[in-house]
Amino acid sequence: MLEPLGAPIGRVMTRNPASLPVSASLYDAAQLMVQRGIRHVLVVEQGVLTGVISERSLFTPRAGVRRTASPPRSSTSSTGAS
């Protein structure tokens, strides 16, 4: 049921929204959105909201953001080579 427009936002807001630190990658944000079925993630630094990343921000071409089909490589992952 839809709330009337005069209802307090506290009735419809998302409690405990998903967030990531500013150091998280775009891949981390995309993965969290898929896992939780959401379209927006709060970006925080030392517990303070610094921004919001949206699904649209991730998938709309922007200057300087290169799209790849695979996740970024971790500097600690093993390649299997000896």
N, C-alpha and C. Protein backbone atom coordinates (compact mmCIF):
# COMPACT_ATOMS: atom_id res chain seq x y z
N MET A 1 0.85 -1.18 0.00
CA MET A 1 0.00 0.00 0.00
C MET A 1 0.88 1.24 0.00
N LEU A 2 0.56 2.18 -0.83
CA LEU A 2 1.31 3.43 -0.90
C LEU A 2 0.93 4.34 0.25
N GLU A 3 1.92 4.99 0.79
CA GLU A 3 1.69 5.97 1.85
C GLU A 3 1.25 7.29 1.21
N PRO A 4 0.40 8.06 1.89
CA PRO A 4 0.05 9.38 1.36
C PRO A 4 1.28 10.29 1.37
N LEU A 5 1.34 11.24 0.46
CA LEU A 5 2.49 12.13 0.35
C LEU A 5 2.77 12.91 1.62
N GLY A 6 1.78 13.08 2.48
CA GLY A 6 1.97 13.81 3.73
C GLY A 6 2.54 12.95 4.85
N ALA A 7 2.74 11.66 4.59
CA ALA A 7 3.25 10.75 5.63
C ALA A 7 4.71 11.07 5.95
N PRO A 8 5.14 10.83 7.18
CA PRO A 8 6.55 11.05 7.53
C PRO A 8 7.46 10.10 6.73
N ILE A 9 8.62 10.60 6.31
CA ILE A 9 9.53 9.76 5.52
C ILE A 9 10.05 8.58 6.33
N GLY A 10 10.04 8.69 7.64
CA GLY A 10 10.48 7.59 8.48
C GLY A 10 9.67 6.32 8.29
N ARG A 11 8.45 6.46 7.78
CA ARG A 11 7.61 5.28 7.54
C ARG A 11 8.04 4.50 6.31
N VAL A 12 8.68 5.16 5.36
CA VAL A 12 9.00 4.49 4.10
C VAL A 12 10.49 4.40 3.81
N MET A 13 11.31 5.04 4.62
CA MET A 13 12.75 5.03 4.36
C MET A 13 13.33 3.63 4.55
N THR A 14 14.46 3.40 3.94
CA THR A 14 15.17 2.14 4.09
C THR A 14 15.98 2.22 5.38
N ARG A 15 15.75 1.28 6.27
CA ARG A 15 16.52 1.23 7.51
C ARG A 15 17.78 0.41 7.27
N ASN A 16 18.87 0.81 7.89
CA ASN A 16 20.16 0.12 7.71
C ASN A 16 20.53 -0.02 6.24
N PRO A 17 20.64 1.09 5.51
CA PRO A 17 20.97 1.00 4.08
C PRO A 17 22.39 0.47 3.85
N ALA A 18 22.59 -0.09 2.69
CA ALA A 18 23.90 -0.63 2.32
C ALA A 18 24.89 0.52 2.15
N SER A 19 26.11 0.30 2.61
CA SER A 19 27.15 1.32 2.46
C SER A 19 28.49 0.67 2.20
N LEU A 20 29.38 1.45 1.61
CA LEU A 20 30.75 1.03 1.35
C LEU A 20 31.67 2.19 1.68
N PRO A 21 32.92 1.90 2.03
CA PRO A 21 33.88 2.98 2.27
C PRO A 21 34.29 3.63 0.95
N VAL A 22 34.80 4.85 1.02
CA VAL A 22 35.22 5.56 -0.20
C VAL A 22 36.32 4.81 -0.93
N SER A 23 37.04 3.94 -0.26
CA SER A 23 38.12 3.18 -0.89
C SER A 23 37.64 1.95 -1.67
N ALA A 24 36.35 1.61 -1.58
CA ALA A 24 35.81 0.45 -2.29
C ALA A 24 35.86 0.70 -3.79
N SER A 25 35.92 -0.38 -4.55
CA SER A 25 35.97 -0.26 -6.02
C SER A 25 34.56 -0.19 -6.60
N LEU A 26 34.49 0.22 -7.85
CA LEU A 26 33.21 0.21 -8.56
C LEU A 26 32.68 -1.22 -8.65
N TYR A 27 33.57 -2.17 -8.80
CA TYR A 27 33.17 -3.58 -8.83
C TYR A 27 32.51 -3.97 -7.51
N ASP A 28 33.09 -3.53 -6.38
CA ASP A 28 32.50 -3.82 -5.07
C ASP A 28 31.07 -3.30 -4.98
N ALA A 29 30.86 -2.08 -5.48
CA ALA A 29 29.53 -1.48 -5.45
C ALA A 29 28.56 -2.27 -6.32
N ALA A 30 28.98 -2.63 -7.52
CA ALA A 30 28.12 -3.40 -8.43
C ALA A 30 27.77 -4.75 -7.82
N GLN A 31 28.75 -5.40 -7.22
CA GLN A 31 28.52 -6.71 -6.62
C GLN A 31 27.53 -6.60 -5.45
N LEU A 32 27.67 -5.59 -4.63
CA LEU A 32 26.76 -5.39 -3.50
C LEU A 32 25.33 -5.13 -4.00
N MET A 33 25.21 -4.34 -5.04
CA MET A 33 23.88 -4.06 -5.61
C MET A 33 23.21 -5.34 -6.10
N VAL A 34 23.97 -6.17 -6.79
CA VAL A 34 23.42 -7.43 -7.29
C VAL A 34 23.04 -8.36 -6.14
N GLN A 35 23.94 -8.50 -5.17
CA GLN A 35 23.69 -9.40 -4.04
C GLN A 35 22.45 -9.00 -3.24
N ARG A 36 22.25 -7.70 -3.05
CA ARG A 36 21.15 -7.24 -2.22
C ARG A 36 19.93 -6.79 -3.00
N GLY A 37 20.01 -6.81 -4.33
CA GLY A 37 18.88 -6.41 -5.16
C GLY A 37 18.52 -4.94 -4.98
N ILE A 38 19.55 -4.08 -4.93
CA ILE A 38 19.35 -2.65 -4.70
C ILE A 38 19.96 -1.85 -5.83
N ARG A 39 19.62 -0.56 -5.90
CA ARG A 39 20.14 0.28 -6.98
C ARG A 39 20.99 1.44 -6.48
N HIS A 40 21.11 1.60 -5.16
CA HIS A 40 21.90 2.69 -4.60
C HIS A 40 22.69 2.20 -3.39
N VAL A 41 23.91 2.72 -3.25
CA VAL A 41 24.77 2.37 -2.11
C VAL A 41 25.34 3.67 -1.54
N LEU A 42 25.24 3.81 -0.23
CA LEU A 42 25.82 4.97 0.42
C LEU A 42 27.34 4.82 0.45
N VAL A 43 28.05 5.93 0.32
CA VAL A 43 29.51 5.94 0.39
C VAL A 43 29.88 6.71 1.66
N VAL A 44 30.65 6.06 2.53
CA VAL A 44 30.98 6.67 3.82
C VAL A 44 32.49 6.72 4.04
N GLU A 45 32.89 7.69 4.83
CA GLU A 45 34.28 7.82 5.25
C GLU A 45 34.27 8.14 6.73
N GLN A 46 34.87 7.25 7.52
CA GLN A 46 34.90 7.39 8.97
C GLN A 46 33.50 7.58 9.55
N GLY A 47 32.54 6.80 9.02
CA GLY A 47 31.18 6.84 9.52
C GLY A 47 30.34 8.02 9.05
N VAL A 48 30.90 8.88 8.21
CA VAL A 48 30.19 10.06 7.72
C VAL A 48 29.81 9.86 6.26
N LEU A 49 28.55 10.13 5.93
CA LEU A 49 28.08 10.01 4.55
C LEU A 49 28.80 11.02 3.68
N THR A 50 29.43 10.52 2.61
CA THR A 50 30.13 11.41 1.69
C THR A 50 29.51 11.41 0.30
N GLY A 51 28.63 10.46 0.03
CA GLY A 51 27.98 10.41 -1.27
C GLY A 51 27.13 9.17 -1.45
N VAL A 52 26.59 9.05 -2.64
CA VAL A 52 25.76 7.91 -3.01
C VAL A 52 26.18 7.47 -4.40
N ILE A 53 26.36 6.18 -4.58
CA ILE A 53 26.65 5.63 -5.91
C ILE A 53 25.40 4.89 -6.36
N SER A 54 25.00 5.12 -7.59
CA SER A 54 23.79 4.49 -8.10
C SER A 54 24.12 3.51 -9.22
N GLU A 55 23.18 2.64 -9.49
CA GLU A 55 23.32 1.70 -10.60
C GLU A 55 23.55 2.49 -11.89
N ARG A 56 22.86 3.57 -12.04
CA ARG A 56 23.01 4.41 -13.22
C ARG A 56 24.43 4.95 -13.34
N SER A 57 25.00 5.36 -12.20
CA SER A 57 26.38 5.86 -12.20
C SER A 57 27.36 4.79 -12.66
N LEU A 58 27.09 3.56 -12.29
CA LEU A 58 27.99 2.46 -12.65
C LEU A 58 27.91 2.08 -14.12
N PHE A 59 26.73 2.13 -14.68
CA PHE A 59 26.52 1.57 -16.01
C PHE A 59 26.28 2.60 -17.11
N THR A 60 26.40 3.87 -16.79
CA THR A 60 26.34 4.92 -17.79
C THR A 60 27.78 5.32 -18.10
N PRO A 61 28.18 5.28 -19.35
CA PRO A 61 29.57 5.63 -19.67
C PRO A 61 29.95 7.01 -19.14
N ARG A 62 31.10 7.07 -18.50
CA ARG A 62 31.63 8.32 -17.97
C ARG A 62 33.09 8.43 -18.36
N ALA A 63 33.55 9.62 -18.54
CA ALA A 63 34.96 9.84 -18.88
C ALA A 63 35.85 9.31 -17.77
N GLY A 64 36.87 8.57 -18.13
CA GLY A 64 37.83 8.10 -17.15
C GLY A 64 37.49 6.79 -16.47
N VAL A 65 36.32 6.23 -16.72
CA VAL A 65 35.96 4.95 -16.10
C VAL A 65 35.94 3.90 -17.19
N ARG A 66 36.88 2.96 -17.11
CA ARG A 66 37.00 1.90 -18.12
C ARG A 66 36.17 0.70 -17.68
N ARG A 67 35.36 0.19 -18.55
CA ARG A 67 34.53 -0.97 -18.25
C ARG A 67 35.27 -2.23 -18.67
N THR A 68 35.28 -3.24 -17.81
CA THR A 68 35.87 -4.53 -18.13
C THR A 68 34.88 -5.61 -17.79
N ALA A 69 35.05 -6.76 -18.39
CA ALA A 69 34.13 -7.87 -18.15
C ALA A 69 34.49 -8.67 -16.91
N SER A 70 35.67 -8.48 -16.36
CA SER A 70 36.08 -9.27 -15.22
C SER A 70 36.39 -8.37 -14.03
N PRO A 71 36.31 -8.93 -12.81
CA PRO A 71 36.60 -8.14 -11.63
C PRO A 71 38.07 -7.74 -11.57
N PRO A 72 38.38 -6.70 -10.83
CA PRO A 72 39.79 -6.31 -10.71
C PRO A 72 40.60 -7.40 -10.04
N ARG A 73 41.86 -7.49 -10.39
CA ARG A 73 42.74 -8.49 -9.77
C ARG A 73 43.21 -8.00 -8.42
N SER A 74 43.21 -8.91 -7.47
CA SER A 74 43.69 -8.59 -6.14
C SER A 74 45.20 -8.76 -6.12
N SER A 75 45.88 -7.85 -5.45
CA SER A 75 47.33 -7.96 -5.36
C SER A 75 47.76 -9.13 -4.49
N THR A 76 46.80 -9.71 -3.74
CA THR A 76 47.15 -10.83 -2.87
C THR A 76 46.70 -12.16 -3.44
N SER A 77 46.04 -12.15 -4.61
CA SER A 77 45.56 -13.43 -5.15
C SER A 77 46.72 -14.20 -5.76
N SER A 78 46.61 -15.50 -5.70
CA SER A 78 47.68 -16.35 -6.24
C SER A 78 47.35 -16.70 -7.68
N THR A 79 48.34 -16.76 -8.51
CA THR A 79 48.14 -17.09 -9.92
C THR A 79 48.41 -18.55 -10.21
N GLY A 80 48.89 -19.27 -9.24
CA GLY A 80 49.18 -20.68 -9.42
C GLY A 80 50.57 -20.94 -9.98
N ALA A 81 51.29 -19.88 -10.35
CA ALA A 81 52.63 -20.06 -10.90
C ALA A 81 53.63 -20.20 -9.75
N SER A 82 54.69 -20.96 -9.97
CA SER A 82 55.70 -21.13 -8.93
C SER A 82 56.94 -20.37 -9.28
